[in-house]
């Protein structure tokens, strides 16, 4: 080789070969890293869509649209209800609600205030800073979710929100079980509610988990999104009156953003009776005169002795379902039931329903 190459040329060849091997090694590392990155990216896409990316103990996060019949979710699944904007007149829907006169007045007053402020804005006049976020207080089953959906549609009609849909969730839909899960869950929930309303039921539960809980992280993330998306996101929090006041007072950020309260009173016995009749009409049932008299008497007694956890309209809905089940058990023993038989709830059906 000494006859063909000088020592300088040999050195150059050796260095060149070494450089080639180094380059090939670097390329191999880059390709392997890229493959790992794609695998990681694919994993991230899957976990962000279905859970919070926790490799150990992650759990499903399902956002379900209202009106779709789905299979029973797994025990570790958190259901989130998405209610599309109502197509009917929201003010008519509001007026047709049974009872809740003070709530109707508050909602109309809010709508009137926003209308006037919009008119002032068109005239170039100054407007005080207005928060559209709301606190709904009251017992379960008093129509808070229904009114929240009506408010979402009213906000859309007033130009506050572009879509006006409602995303309903609670503590289980916002707080993760492990470190790093909570903030992504809250952000995903807020993303699904953009241009609409995020409705958080029993919101006070967010801060009742103790020191080892991630409730404070959920609240902090929610407040940041409310500020960052203040023109696209309205949040309504709901729950028992005293618990909600304590919840709002736990954080100055909550106090500054939630300054309008609407209280939902419990239904009277007469209103609960009207709600039961509403379920009858909607489902093509009738009730005998004896059954109606018994129903009124029992509802009066139930309201008189109700406790803090009384379910109001939920109680009546459950009672209605029990009554038609009792009717079905009675009719199953007969043959050739007429249409009247199939639609009539009798006294014995109501007696057995209240006894359950």
Protein backbone atom coordinates (compact mmCIF):
# COMPACT_ATOMS: atom_id res chain seq x y z
CA UNK A 1 0.00 0.00 0.00
CA UNK A 2 3.01 2.24 0.63
CA UNK A 3 3.77 2.04 -3.12
CA UNK A 4 0.37 3.42 -4.07
CA UNK A 5 -0.52 5.92 -1.27
CA UNK A 6 1.50 8.40 0.68
CA UNK A 7 1.21 8.45 4.45
CA UNK A 8 -0.87 11.62 4.26
CA UNK A 9 -3.33 9.98 1.87
CA UNK A 10 -3.62 6.92 4.11
CA UNK A 11 -4.40 9.15 7.10
CA UNK A 12 -7.08 10.95 5.09
CA UNK A 13 -8.70 7.63 4.09
CA UNK A 14 -8.77 6.39 7.70
CA UNK A 15 -10.33 9.63 8.96
CA UNK A 16 -12.94 9.53 6.18
CA UNK A 17 -13.94 5.94 7.01
CA UNK A 18 -14.23 6.85 10.69
CA UNK A 19 -16.45 9.81 9.86
CA UNK A 20 -18.71 7.57 7.73
CA UNK A 21 -19.13 5.13 10.61
CA UNK A 22 -19.93 7.99 13.03
CA UNK A 23 -22.57 9.40 10.65
CA UNK A 24 -24.17 5.98 10.19
CA UNK A 25 -24.33 5.56 13.97
CA UNK A 26 -25.98 8.95 14.43
CA UNK A 27 -28.54 8.20 11.72
CA UNK A 28 -29.40 4.89 13.42
CA UNK A 29 -29.98 6.67 16.73
CA UNK A 30 -32.17 9.34 15.09
CA UNK A 31 -34.29 6.74 13.29
CA UNK A 32 -34.78 4.75 16.52
CA UNK A 33 -35.70 7.92 18.39
CA UNK A 34 -38.17 8.87 15.68
CA UNK A 35 -39.83 5.46 15.88
CA UNK A 36 -40.07 5.78 19.66
CA UNK A 37 -41.49 9.26 19.25
CA UNK A 38 -44.19 8.00 16.90
CA UNK A 39 -45.07 5.24 19.33
CA UNK A 40 -45.21 7.79 22.14
CA UNK A 41 -47.29 10.15 20.00
CA UNK A 42 -49.76 7.40 19.15
CA UNK A 43 -50.01 6.46 22.80
CA UNK A 44 -50.58 10.09 23.73
CA UNK A 45 -53.34 10.44 21.18
CA UNK A 46 -55.11 7.37 22.53
CA UNK A 47 -54.79 8.34 26.18
CA UNK A 48 -55.82 11.96 25.63
CA UNK A 49 -58.98 10.82 23.88
CA UNK A 50 -59.95 8.13 26.35
CA UNK A 51 -58.34 8.95 29.68
CA UNK A 52 -55.68 11.20 31.11
CA UNK A 53 -52.62 9.40 29.90
CA UNK A 54 -51.90 7.56 33.12
CA UNK A 55 -50.10 4.37 32.24
CA UNK A 56 -51.09 2.73 35.53
CA UNK A 57 -54.69 2.81 36.60
CA UNK A 58 -55.93 5.24 33.96
CA UNK A 59 -59.68 5.40 33.50
CA UNK A 60 -62.06 6.12 30.67
CA UNK A 61 -63.48 9.56 30.03
CA UNK A 62 -66.62 9.36 27.95
CA UNK A 63 -68.51 12.41 26.70
CA UNK A 64 -72.00 11.30 25.75
CA UNK A 65 -74.62 13.24 23.85
CA UNK A 66 -78.09 13.47 25.32
CA UNK A 67 -80.71 11.34 23.68
CA UNK A 68 -78.41 8.49 22.69
CA UNK A 69 -79.01 5.12 24.31
CA UNK A 70 -75.66 3.63 25.23
CA UNK A 71 -74.71 0.46 26.98
CA UNK A 72 -74.14 0.55 30.70
CA UNK A 73 -70.71 2.19 31.24
CA UNK A 74 -67.95 0.39 33.04
CA UNK A 75 -67.55 1.10 36.73
CA UNK A 76 -64.49 3.25 36.13
CA UNK A 77 -66.09 5.36 33.38
CA UNK A 78 -67.10 8.96 33.99
CA UNK A 79 -70.12 9.96 31.95
CA UNK A 80 -70.43 13.55 30.80
CA UNK A 81 -73.73 14.66 29.33
CA UNK A 82 -73.68 16.98 26.35
CA UNK A 83 -77.03 18.63 25.75
CA UNK A 84 -77.36 20.23 22.33
CA UNK A 85 -78.95 23.71 22.10
CA UNK A 86 -82.73 23.54 22.41
CA UNK A 87 -84.55 24.41 19.21
CA UNK A 88 -87.70 25.78 20.82
CA UNK A 89 -88.22 29.27 22.27
CA UNK A 90 -86.25 29.32 25.55
CA UNK A 91 -88.58 31.88 27.11
CA UNK A 92 -91.58 29.68 26.37
CA UNK A 93 -89.74 26.71 27.83
CA UNK A 94 -89.06 28.80 30.92
CA UNK A 95 -92.69 29.85 31.30
CA UNK A 96 -93.92 26.28 30.93
CA UNK A 97 -91.87 25.00 33.84
CA UNK A 98 -93.98 23.97 36.82
CA UNK A 99 -93.45 26.29 39.79
CA UNK A 100 -90.07 28.06 40.11
CA UNK A 101 -91.65 31.52 39.81
CA UNK A 102 -88.76 33.25 41.56
CA UNK A 103 -86.28 31.46 39.28
CA UNK A 104 -88.18 32.55 36.17
CA UNK A 105 -88.11 36.14 37.40
CA UNK A 106 -84.36 36.00 38.02
CA UNK A 107 -83.61 34.53 34.58
CA UNK A 108 -85.77 37.12 32.81
CA UNK A 109 -84.18 39.89 34.84
CA UNK A 110 -80.72 38.67 33.80
CA UNK A 111 -81.79 38.51 30.14
CA UNK A 112 -83.25 42.03 30.30
CA UNK A 113 -80.06 43.39 31.83
CA UNK A 114 -77.91 41.83 29.12
CA UNK A 115 -80.22 43.16 26.38
CA UNK A 116 -79.94 46.72 27.66
CA UNK A 117 -76.17 46.49 28.02
CA UNK A 118 -75.94 45.29 24.42
CA UNK A 119 -78.00 48.30 23.33
CA UNK A 120 -75.72 50.64 25.28
CA UNK A 121 -72.72 49.01 23.64
CA UNK A 122 -74.16 49.69 20.18
CA UNK A 123 -74.59 53.34 21.13
CA UNK A 124 -70.96 53.58 22.20
CA UNK A 125 -71.80 53.96 25.88
CA UNK A 126 -69.69 52.53 28.68
CA UNK A 127 -70.83 49.31 30.30
CA UNK A 128 -69.91 47.94 33.72
CA UNK A 129 -67.97 44.68 33.62
CA UNK A 130 -70.52 41.87 33.66
CA UNK A 131 -69.92 38.25 34.62
CA UNK A 132 -72.21 35.75 32.92
CA UNK A 133 -71.22 32.92 35.25
CA UNK A 134 -73.94 31.78 37.66
CA UNK A 135 -74.42 29.92 40.94
CA UNK A 136 -77.57 27.79 41.20
CA UNK A 137 -78.44 26.87 44.78
CA UNK A 138 -81.07 24.48 46.06
CA UNK A 139 -81.97 20.87 46.71
CA UNK A 140 -81.73 18.05 44.14
CA UNK A 141 -84.51 17.72 41.59
CA UNK A 142 -85.53 21.38 41.55
CA UNK A 143 -84.88 22.00 37.85
CA UNK A 144 -81.35 23.42 37.96
CA UNK A 145 -80.08 21.46 34.95
CA UNK A 146 -83.18 22.29 32.90
CA UNK A 147 -82.87 26.00 33.66
CA UNK A 148 -79.13 25.90 32.88
CA UNK A 149 -79.95 24.60 29.42
CA UNK A 150 -82.52 27.37 28.95
CA UNK A 151 -79.96 29.97 30.05
CA UNK A 152 -77.45 28.57 27.56
CA UNK A 153 -79.95 29.07 24.72
CA UNK A 154 -80.84 32.58 25.94
CA UNK A 155 -77.14 33.47 26.00
CA UNK A 156 -76.89 32.26 22.43
CA UNK A 157 -79.86 34.38 21.33
CA UNK A 158 -78.32 37.42 23.03
CA UNK A 159 -75.02 36.93 21.19
CA UNK A 160 -73.02 35.99 24.25
CA UNK A 161 -72.36 32.43 23.07
CA UNK A 162 -72.07 31.18 19.49
CA UNK A 163 -73.48 27.68 20.00
CA UNK A 164 -75.36 27.62 23.30
CA UNK A 165 -74.99 23.92 24.13
CA UNK A 166 -74.67 22.59 27.67
CA UNK A 167 -71.99 20.25 28.99
CA UNK A 168 -72.99 18.72 32.32
CA UNK A 169 -70.48 17.17 34.70
CA UNK A 170 -69.54 16.84 38.36
CA UNK A 171 -66.53 16.09 40.52
CA UNK A 172 -65.91 12.69 38.89
CA UNK A 173 -65.60 14.29 35.48
CA UNK A 174 -63.03 16.86 36.57
CA UNK A 175 -60.74 15.33 39.19
CA UNK A 176 -58.32 12.53 38.35
CA UNK A 177 -57.15 9.73 40.59
CA UNK A 178 -53.43 10.23 40.04
CA UNK A 179 -50.89 13.02 39.67
CA UNK A 180 -51.09 14.73 36.28
CA UNK A 181 -54.63 13.67 35.45
CA UNK A 182 -56.76 16.51 36.84
CA UNK A 183 -55.62 19.49 34.76
CA UNK A 184 -56.00 17.62 31.43
CA UNK A 185 -59.48 16.49 32.46
CA UNK A 186 -60.58 20.02 33.33
CA UNK A 187 -59.10 21.37 30.10
CA UNK A 188 -60.80 18.68 28.03
CA UNK A 189 -64.11 19.47 29.71
CA UNK A 190 -63.70 23.19 29.06
CA UNK A 191 -62.77 22.49 25.44
CA UNK A 192 -65.99 20.54 24.94
CA UNK A 193 -67.99 23.42 26.44
CA UNK A 194 -66.43 26.25 24.41
CA UNK A 195 -69.09 28.54 22.90
CA UNK A 196 -71.56 27.06 25.37
CA UNK A 197 -72.12 26.46 29.07
CA UNK A 198 -70.20 24.16 31.40
CA UNK A 199 -72.60 23.03 34.14
CA UNK A 200 -70.94 21.56 37.24
CA UNK A 201 -73.41 19.84 39.54
CA UNK A 202 -72.57 19.51 43.24
CA UNK A 203 -69.57 21.75 42.58
CA UNK A 204 -68.84 22.09 46.31
CA UNK A 205 -67.56 18.50 46.20
CA UNK A 206 -64.51 19.72 44.27
CA UNK A 207 -62.96 21.05 47.49
CA UNK A 208 -64.18 18.39 49.91
CA UNK A 209 -61.63 15.69 49.13
CA UNK A 210 -59.01 16.51 51.76
CA UNK A 211 -55.36 17.50 51.55
CA UNK A 212 -54.35 14.54 49.38
CA UNK A 213 -57.02 15.39 46.81
CA UNK A 214 -56.61 17.30 43.55
CA UNK A 215 -59.65 19.54 44.01
CA UNK A 216 -57.59 22.71 44.39
CA UNK A 217 -55.81 21.91 41.13
CA UNK A 218 -59.18 21.46 39.42
CA UNK A 219 -60.43 24.82 40.69
CA UNK A 220 -57.21 26.60 39.71
CA UNK A 221 -57.30 25.12 36.21
CA UNK A 222 -60.98 25.99 35.83
CA UNK A 223 -60.40 29.61 36.90
CA UNK A 224 -57.56 29.96 34.40
CA UNK A 225 -59.75 28.66 31.57
CA UNK A 226 -62.58 30.98 32.62
CA UNK A 227 -60.16 33.88 32.27
CA UNK A 228 -58.44 32.71 29.09
CA UNK A 229 -61.76 31.89 27.37
CA UNK A 230 -63.94 34.53 29.02
CA UNK A 231 -65.59 35.38 25.68
CA UNK A 232 -66.31 31.75 24.78
CA UNK A 233 -67.07 29.93 28.01
CA UNK A 234 -69.80 30.36 30.63
CA UNK A 235 -69.69 28.25 33.80
CA UNK A 236 -72.70 27.50 36.00
CA UNK A 237 -72.03 25.77 39.31
CA UNK A 238 -74.84 24.16 41.31
CA UNK A 239 -75.50 22.48 44.62
CA UNK A 240 -76.99 22.79 48.09
CA UNK A 241 -77.30 26.42 49.27
CA UNK A 242 -74.99 26.41 52.30
CA UNK A 243 -72.42 24.13 50.70
CA UNK A 244 -72.22 26.33 47.59
CA UNK A 245 -71.68 29.48 49.65
CA UNK A 246 -68.83 27.77 51.49
CA UNK A 247 -67.39 26.57 48.19
CA UNK A 248 -67.39 30.03 46.60
CA UNK A 249 -65.78 31.50 49.72
CA UNK A 250 -62.85 29.07 49.58
CA UNK A 251 -61.19 30.96 46.74
CA UNK A 252 -61.05 34.70 45.95
CA UNK A 253 -61.04 33.83 42.25
CA UNK A 254 -64.38 32.08 42.62
CA UNK A 255 -65.79 35.03 44.56
CA UNK A 256 -64.84 37.50 41.84
CA UNK A 257 -66.24 35.42 38.98
CA UNK A 258 -69.41 34.08 40.59
CA UNK A 259 -71.41 37.00 41.94
CA UNK A 260 -74.92 36.18 40.72
CA UNK A 261 -76.90 33.58 42.65
CA UNK A 262 -80.25 32.04 41.69
CA UNK A 263 -81.98 30.02 44.40
CA UNK A 264 -84.21 27.08 43.44
CA UNK A 265 -86.88 26.48 46.10
CA UNK A 266 -88.26 23.06 46.89
CA UNK A 267 -91.50 22.16 45.12
CA UNK A 268 -94.74 22.34 47.05
CA UNK A 269 -96.98 19.29 47.32
CA UNK A 270 -99.33 20.79 44.72
CA UNK A 271 -96.43 21.34 42.31
CA UNK A 272 -95.21 17.77 42.80
CA UNK A 273 -98.72 16.56 42.02
CA UNK A 274 -98.68 18.64 38.79
CA UNK A 275 -95.30 17.12 37.89
CA UNK A 276 -96.73 13.62 38.35
CA UNK A 277 -99.64 14.55 36.05
CA UNK A 278 -97.11 15.84 33.53
CA UNK A 279 -95.41 12.44 33.48
CA UNK A 280 -98.82 10.83 32.95
CA UNK A 281 -99.58 13.03 29.93
CA UNK A 282 -96.17 12.62 28.35
CA UNK A 283 -96.35 8.85 28.62
CA UNK A 284 -100.05 8.41 27.75
CA UNK A 285 -101.29 7.32 31.14
CA UNK A 286 -104.35 8.30 33.18
CA UNK A 287 -105.15 8.03 36.87
CA UNK A 288 -108.39 7.07 38.57
CA UNK A 289 -110.14 9.61 40.81
CA UNK A 290 -109.43 7.44 43.87
CA UNK A 291 -105.78 7.17 42.86
CA UNK A 292 -105.52 10.94 42.35
CA UNK A 293 -106.98 11.70 45.76
CA UNK A 294 -104.59 9.21 47.40
CA UNK A 295 -101.66 10.70 45.48
CA UNK A 296 -102.43 14.23 46.73
CA UNK A 297 -102.75 13.04 50.30
CA UNK A 298 -99.49 11.12 50.22
CA UNK A 299 -97.53 13.95 48.59
CA UNK A 300 -98.75 16.36 51.26
CA UNK A 301 -97.46 13.96 53.90
CA UNK A 302 -94.14 13.45 52.08
CA UNK A 303 -93.49 17.20 51.79
CA UNK A 304 -94.42 17.77 55.43
CA UNK A 305 -91.87 15.21 56.61
CA UNK A 306 -89.13 15.65 53.98
CA UNK A 307 -85.48 15.83 54.98
CA UNK A 308 -82.44 17.67 53.61
CA UNK A 309 -81.89 15.07 50.87
CA UNK A 310 -85.43 15.06 49.49
CA UNK A 311 -85.31 14.62 45.71
CA UNK A 312 -88.28 16.82 44.68
CA UNK A 313 -89.02 16.15 40.99
CA UNK A 314 -86.65 13.18 41.03
CA UNK A 315 -88.75 11.67 43.81
CA UNK A 316 -91.89 12.10 41.69
CA UNK A 317 -90.24 10.59 38.63
CA UNK A 318 -89.18 7.55 40.64
CA UNK A 319 -92.68 7.31 42.10
CA UNK A 320 -94.19 7.40 38.62
CA UNK A 321 -91.88 4.62 37.43
CA UNK A 322 -92.80 2.50 40.46
CA UNK A 323 -96.52 3.08 39.82
CA UNK A 324 -96.41 1.94 36.20
CA UNK A 325 -94.35 -1.08 37.25
CA UNK A 326 -97.05 -1.96 39.78
CA UNK A 327 -99.68 -1.51 37.07
CA UNK A 328 -97.73 -3.81 34.75
CA UNK A 329 -97.54 -6.48 37.46
CA UNK A 330 -101.31 -6.23 37.96
CA UNK A 331 -102.16 -6.35 34.25
CA UNK A 332 -99.79 -9.23 33.54
CA UNK A 333 -102.24 -11.53 35.32
CA UNK A 334 -105.04 -10.56 32.93
CA UNK A 335 -105.63 -11.43 29.27
CA UNK A 336 -106.82 -9.16 26.48
CA UNK A 337 -106.23 -5.85 28.29
CA UNK A 338 -108.02 -2.94 26.62
CA UNK A 339 -106.41 0.39 25.79
CA UNK A 340 -108.12 1.88 28.83
CA UNK A 341 -106.71 -0.88 31.04
CA UNK A 342 -103.22 -0.25 29.69
CA UNK A 343 -103.34 3.48 30.36
CA UNK A 344 -105.11 3.66 33.73
CA UNK A 345 -103.28 3.78 37.06
CA UNK A 346 -105.52 2.63 39.89
CA UNK A 347 -105.50 3.24 43.62
CA UNK A 348 -103.84 -0.13 44.28
CA UNK A 349 -100.99 0.79 41.91
CA UNK A 350 -100.33 4.01 43.84
CA UNK A 351 -100.56 2.29 47.21
CA UNK A 352 -97.96 -0.28 46.22
CA UNK A 353 -95.75 2.40 44.63
CA UNK A 354 -95.62 4.44 47.85
CA UNK A 355 -94.99 1.26 49.85
CA UNK A 356 -91.86 0.40 47.83
